[in-house]
Amino acid sequence: MSDSPLSRCSTQALKVLADYWVLRIIDEIHGAGDLRFSALQRALGGASPATLSNRLRCLEDEGLIRRNEGTEGKTSVSYSLSDRGQKVLPVIHAINDFAETAP
């Protein structure tokens, strides 16, 4: 495999997106527009707080979501998709379409 910038970028993108919870989190935030941690946890149904925190931190580090602190500080944190997160939606839809056509 070549060590071109394209292959490094593709590998990093796959590392981030090849996670069940990441795909679900992005989908839930996209559908709601802006979600607080507890609402996101309820919507996902099954993600532990530690798992959700870890994935949200990863998505924030990758620039796919924004962590929005309200005027009350840490007690009023919500999450929304960033512009970069919006750009990954067609990729996620393509993955879903591919999965639906699997034998």
N, C-alpha and C. Protein backbone atom coordinates (compact mmCIF):
# COMPACT_ATOMS: atom_id res chain seq x y z
N MET A 1 0.85 -1.19 0.00
CA MET A 1 0.00 0.00 0.00
C MET A 1 0.89 1.24 0.00
N SER A 2 0.57 2.20 -0.82
CA SER A 2 1.39 3.40 -0.89
C SER A 2 1.17 4.26 0.34
N ASP A 3 2.11 5.14 0.57
CA ASP A 3 2.04 6.03 1.72
C ASP A 3 1.63 7.43 1.27
N SER A 4 0.68 7.48 0.35
CA SER A 4 0.22 8.76 -0.17
C SER A 4 -0.67 9.46 0.85
N PRO A 5 -0.81 10.78 0.77
CA PRO A 5 -1.71 11.50 1.69
C PRO A 5 -3.14 10.99 1.63
N LEU A 6 -3.58 10.56 0.45
CA LEU A 6 -4.94 10.05 0.32
C LEU A 6 -5.14 8.81 1.17
N SER A 7 -4.19 7.89 1.13
CA SER A 7 -4.35 6.66 1.91
C SER A 7 -4.31 6.95 3.40
N ARG A 8 -3.48 7.89 3.84
CA ARG A 8 -3.44 8.24 5.27
C ARG A 8 -4.76 8.87 5.71
N CYS A 9 -5.31 9.74 4.87
CA CYS A 9 -6.59 10.38 5.19
C CYS A 9 -7.71 9.35 5.22
N SER A 10 -7.73 8.46 4.25
CA SER A 10 -8.77 7.43 4.19
C SER A 10 -8.69 6.52 5.41
N THR A 11 -7.50 6.16 5.81
CA THR A 11 -7.33 5.29 6.97
C THR A 11 -7.84 5.98 8.23
N GLN A 12 -7.53 7.24 8.40
CA GLN A 12 -8.00 7.98 9.57
C GLN A 12 -9.52 8.10 9.56
N ALA A 13 -10.10 8.38 8.41
CA ALA A 13 -11.56 8.50 8.32
C ALA A 13 -12.22 7.18 8.67
N LEU A 14 -11.67 6.08 8.19
CA LEU A 14 -12.23 4.77 8.50
C LEU A 14 -12.11 4.44 9.99
N LYS A 15 -11.00 4.83 10.60
CA LYS A 15 -10.83 4.58 12.04
C LYS A 15 -11.92 5.28 12.84
N VAL A 16 -12.27 6.47 12.43
CA VAL A 16 -13.29 7.24 13.14
C VAL A 16 -14.68 6.70 12.85
N LEU A 17 -14.99 6.46 11.59
CA LEU A 17 -16.34 6.09 11.20
C LEU A 17 -16.67 4.61 11.38
N ALA A 18 -15.67 3.79 11.55
CA ALA A 18 -15.92 2.35 11.67
C ALA A 18 -16.27 1.97 13.11
N ASP A 19 -17.21 2.66 13.66
CA ASP A 19 -17.64 2.42 15.03
C ASP A 19 -19.16 2.56 15.09
N TYR A 20 -19.80 1.56 15.61
CA TYR A 20 -21.26 1.53 15.70
C TYR A 20 -21.81 2.78 16.39
N TRP A 21 -21.25 3.12 17.55
CA TRP A 21 -21.78 4.25 18.31
C TRP A 21 -21.54 5.57 17.61
N VAL A 22 -20.41 5.72 16.95
CA VAL A 22 -20.11 6.96 16.24
C VAL A 22 -21.16 7.22 15.16
N LEU A 23 -21.47 6.19 14.39
CA LEU A 23 -22.48 6.36 13.33
C LEU A 23 -23.84 6.70 13.92
N ARG A 24 -24.21 6.05 15.01
CA ARG A 24 -25.49 6.33 15.64
C ARG A 24 -25.53 7.74 16.23
N ILE A 25 -24.44 8.15 16.87
CA ILE A 25 -24.37 9.49 17.47
C ILE A 25 -24.53 10.57 16.39
N ILE A 26 -23.79 10.43 15.30
CA ILE A 26 -23.88 11.40 14.22
C ILE A 26 -25.30 11.44 13.67
N ASP A 27 -25.91 10.27 13.49
CA ASP A 27 -27.27 10.21 12.97
C ASP A 27 -28.27 10.87 13.92
N GLU A 28 -28.16 10.61 15.21
CA GLU A 28 -29.07 11.20 16.19
C GLU A 28 -28.91 12.72 16.26
N ILE A 29 -27.68 13.19 16.29
CA ILE A 29 -27.45 14.64 16.35
C ILE A 29 -27.95 15.30 15.07
N HIS A 30 -27.72 14.65 13.94
CA HIS A 30 -28.21 15.20 12.67
C HIS A 30 -29.74 15.32 12.70
N GLY A 31 -30.40 14.31 13.18
CA GLY A 31 -31.86 14.32 13.21
C GLY A 31 -32.44 15.35 14.15
N ALA A 32 -31.76 15.60 15.27
CA ALA A 32 -32.28 16.53 16.27
C ALA A 32 -31.74 17.94 16.10
N GLY A 33 -30.59 18.07 15.51
CA GLY A 33 -29.98 19.38 15.33
C GLY A 33 -29.10 19.79 16.49
N ASP A 34 -29.54 19.56 17.70
CA ASP A 34 -28.80 19.97 18.89
C ASP A 34 -29.29 19.10 20.04
N LEU A 35 -28.39 18.35 20.67
CA LEU A 35 -28.81 17.42 21.73
C LEU A 35 -27.93 17.55 22.96
N ARG A 36 -28.58 17.48 24.10
CA ARG A 36 -27.85 17.40 25.36
C ARG A 36 -27.44 15.95 25.60
N PHE A 37 -26.45 15.75 26.45
CA PHE A 37 -25.90 14.43 26.72
C PHE A 37 -26.99 13.44 27.12
N SER A 38 -27.82 13.82 28.08
CA SER A 38 -28.85 12.89 28.58
C SER A 38 -29.86 12.53 27.50
N ALA A 39 -30.25 13.49 26.66
CA ALA A 39 -31.19 13.21 25.57
C ALA A 39 -30.54 12.29 24.54
N LEU A 40 -29.27 12.50 24.28
CA LEU A 40 -28.55 11.65 23.34
C LEU A 40 -28.42 10.23 23.89
N GLN A 41 -28.13 10.12 25.16
CA GLN A 41 -28.02 8.79 25.78
C GLN A 41 -29.36 8.05 25.72
N ARG A 42 -30.45 8.74 25.99
CA ARG A 42 -31.78 8.12 25.89
C ARG A 42 -32.08 7.68 24.46
N ALA A 43 -31.76 8.55 23.50
CA ALA A 43 -32.04 8.24 22.10
C ALA A 43 -31.24 7.03 21.62
N LEU A 44 -30.02 6.88 22.12
CA LEU A 44 -29.18 5.76 21.71
C LEU A 44 -29.59 4.46 22.38
N GLY A 45 -30.12 4.55 23.60
CA GLY A 45 -30.58 3.37 24.31
C GLY A 45 -29.58 2.24 24.37
N GLY A 46 -28.65 2.28 25.27
CA GLY A 46 -27.70 1.19 25.42
C GLY A 46 -26.26 1.63 25.52
N ALA A 47 -25.97 2.84 25.15
CA ALA A 47 -24.61 3.34 25.29
C ALA A 47 -24.37 3.75 26.74
N SER A 48 -23.33 3.22 27.34
CA SER A 48 -23.01 3.61 28.71
C SER A 48 -22.53 5.06 28.70
N PRO A 49 -22.62 5.74 29.85
CA PRO A 49 -22.12 7.12 29.90
C PRO A 49 -20.64 7.23 29.51
N ALA A 50 -19.84 6.24 29.92
CA ALA A 50 -18.41 6.27 29.58
C ALA A 50 -18.20 6.12 28.08
N THR A 51 -18.93 5.21 27.46
CA THR A 51 -18.82 5.01 26.01
C THR A 51 -19.25 6.27 25.27
N LEU A 52 -20.37 6.83 25.67
CA LEU A 52 -20.88 8.03 25.01
C LEU A 52 -19.90 9.19 25.17
N SER A 53 -19.39 9.40 26.37
CA SER A 53 -18.42 10.47 26.60
C SER A 53 -17.18 10.30 25.73
N ASN A 54 -16.69 9.06 25.67
CA ASN A 54 -15.51 8.78 24.88
C ASN A 54 -15.74 9.08 23.40
N ARG A 55 -16.87 8.62 22.86
CA ARG A 55 -17.15 8.84 21.44
C ARG A 55 -17.39 10.31 21.15
N LEU A 56 -18.09 11.01 22.03
CA LEU A 56 -18.31 12.45 21.82
C LEU A 56 -16.99 13.21 21.82
N ARG A 57 -16.09 12.85 22.71
CA ARG A 57 -14.77 13.49 22.76
C ARG A 57 -14.01 13.23 21.46
N CYS A 58 -14.06 12.00 20.98
CA CYS A 58 -13.40 11.64 19.72
C CYS A 58 -13.98 12.44 18.56
N LEU A 59 -15.30 12.51 18.48
CA LEU A 59 -15.94 13.26 17.40
C LEU A 59 -15.63 14.75 17.47
N GLU A 60 -15.54 15.26 18.69
CA GLU A 60 -15.17 16.67 18.85
C GLU A 60 -13.72 16.89 18.42
N ASP A 61 -12.82 15.99 18.82
CA ASP A 61 -11.41 16.09 18.43
C ASP A 61 -11.24 16.02 16.91
N GLU A 62 -12.09 15.24 16.26
CA GLU A 62 -12.02 15.10 14.80
C GLU A 62 -12.72 16.25 14.07
N GLY A 63 -13.37 17.12 14.83
CA GLY A 63 -14.05 18.26 14.22
C GLY A 63 -15.39 17.94 13.60
N LEU A 64 -15.99 16.79 13.98
CA LEU A 64 -17.27 16.39 13.40
C LEU A 64 -18.47 16.93 14.18
N ILE A 65 -18.28 17.19 15.45
CA ILE A 65 -19.35 17.78 16.26
C ILE A 65 -18.81 18.98 17.02
N ARG A 66 -19.74 19.81 17.47
CA ARG A 66 -19.42 20.97 18.31
C ARG A 66 -20.00 20.72 19.69
N ARG A 67 -19.24 21.05 20.69
CA ARG A 67 -19.70 21.00 22.08
C ARG A 67 -20.09 22.43 22.44
N ASN A 68 -21.38 22.64 22.68
CA ASN A 68 -21.90 23.98 22.92
C ASN A 68 -22.22 24.15 24.40
N GLU A 69 -21.53 25.05 25.06
CA GLU A 69 -21.82 25.33 26.46
C GLU A 69 -22.77 26.50 26.55
N GLY A 70 -23.84 26.29 27.29
CA GLY A 70 -24.83 27.36 27.49
C GLY A 70 -24.35 28.38 28.50
N THR A 71 -25.21 29.28 28.84
CA THR A 71 -24.86 30.34 29.78
C THR A 71 -24.67 29.83 31.20
N GLU A 72 -25.24 28.65 31.52
CA GLU A 72 -25.09 28.08 32.85
C GLU A 72 -23.81 27.28 33.00
N GLY A 73 -22.96 27.26 31.99
CA GLY A 73 -21.70 26.54 32.07
C GLY A 73 -21.85 25.07 31.75
N LYS A 74 -21.09 24.22 32.46
CA LYS A 74 -21.04 22.80 32.15
C LYS A 74 -22.36 22.09 32.32
N THR A 75 -23.28 22.62 33.09
CA THR A 75 -24.56 21.95 33.28
C THR A 75 -25.48 22.12 32.08
N SER A 76 -25.11 22.96 31.15
CA SER A 76 -25.95 23.21 29.98
C SER A 76 -25.17 22.97 28.70
N VAL A 77 -24.63 21.76 28.55
CA VAL A 77 -23.84 21.41 27.37
C VAL A 77 -24.72 20.66 26.38
N SER A 78 -24.61 21.03 25.12
CA SER A 78 -25.30 20.31 24.06
C SER A 78 -24.31 20.06 22.92
N TYR A 79 -24.72 19.19 22.01
CA TYR A 79 -23.85 18.81 20.90
C TYR A 79 -24.59 19.01 19.59
N SER A 80 -23.87 19.49 18.59
CA SER A 80 -24.44 19.67 17.26
C SER A 80 -23.37 19.29 16.23
N LEU A 81 -23.82 19.02 15.01
CA LEU A 81 -22.87 18.69 13.95
C LEU A 81 -22.16 19.96 13.48
N SER A 82 -20.89 19.84 13.25
CA SER A 82 -20.12 20.94 12.67
C SER A 82 -20.29 20.90 11.15
N ASP A 83 -19.71 21.85 10.47
CA ASP A 83 -19.74 21.83 9.00
C ASP A 83 -19.06 20.56 8.49
N ARG A 84 -17.98 20.18 9.12
CA ARG A 84 -17.28 18.95 8.73
C ARG A 84 -18.17 17.72 8.98
N GLY A 85 -18.90 17.74 10.08
CA GLY A 85 -19.83 16.65 10.38
C GLY A 85 -20.94 16.56 9.35
N GLN A 86 -21.41 17.70 8.86
CA GLN A 86 -22.42 17.71 7.81
C GLN A 86 -21.88 17.06 6.53
N LYS A 87 -20.59 17.28 6.25
CA LYS A 87 -19.99 16.74 5.03
C LYS A 87 -19.86 15.22 5.07
N VAL A 88 -19.85 14.62 6.26
CA VAL A 88 -19.69 13.17 6.37
C VAL A 88 -21.04 12.44 6.22
N LEU A 89 -22.14 13.16 6.27
CA LEU A 89 -23.46 12.53 6.17
C LEU A 89 -23.66 11.71 4.89
N PRO A 90 -23.26 12.22 3.71
CA PRO A 90 -23.42 11.39 2.52
C PRO A 90 -22.63 10.08 2.59
N VAL A 91 -21.49 10.11 3.25
CA VAL A 91 -20.69 8.89 3.42
C VAL A 91 -21.45 7.90 4.29
N ILE A 92 -22.03 8.38 5.36
CA ILE A 92 -22.80 7.52 6.26
C ILE A 92 -24.02 6.95 5.54
N HIS A 93 -24.69 7.77 4.74
CA HIS A 93 -25.83 7.29 3.97
C HIS A 93 -25.39 6.23 2.96
N ALA A 94 -24.23 6.42 2.35
CA ALA A 94 -23.71 5.43 1.40
C ALA A 94 -23.40 4.12 2.11
N ILE A 95 -22.84 4.18 3.31
CA ILE A 95 -22.57 2.97 4.09
C ILE A 95 -23.88 2.26 4.39
N ASN A 96 -24.89 3.03 4.78
CA ASN A 96 -26.19 2.43 5.08
C ASN A 96 -26.80 1.79 3.83
N ASP A 97 -26.74 2.47 2.71
CA ASP A 97 -27.27 1.92 1.45
C ASP A 97 -26.54 0.62 1.09
N PHE A 98 -25.23 0.61 1.25
CA PHE A 98 -24.45 -0.58 0.97
C PHE A 98 -24.86 -1.73 1.90
N ALA A 99 -25.04 -1.44 3.17
CA ALA A 99 -25.43 -2.48 4.13
C ALA A 99 -26.81 -3.05 3.81
N GLU A 100 -27.71 -2.21 3.35
CA GLU A 100 -29.06 -2.67 3.01
C GLU A 100 -29.09 -3.59 1.79
N THR A 101 -28.07 -3.52 0.94
CA THR A 101 -28.04 -4.37 -0.25
C THR A 101 -27.21 -5.62 -0.04
N ALA A 102 -26.68 -5.82 1.15
CA ALA A 102 -25.87 -7.00 1.44
C ALA A 102 -26.72 -8.27 1.35
N PRO A 103 -26.12 -9.35 0.87
CA PRO A 103 -26.89 -10.60 0.76
C PRO A 103 -27.26 -11.19 2.11
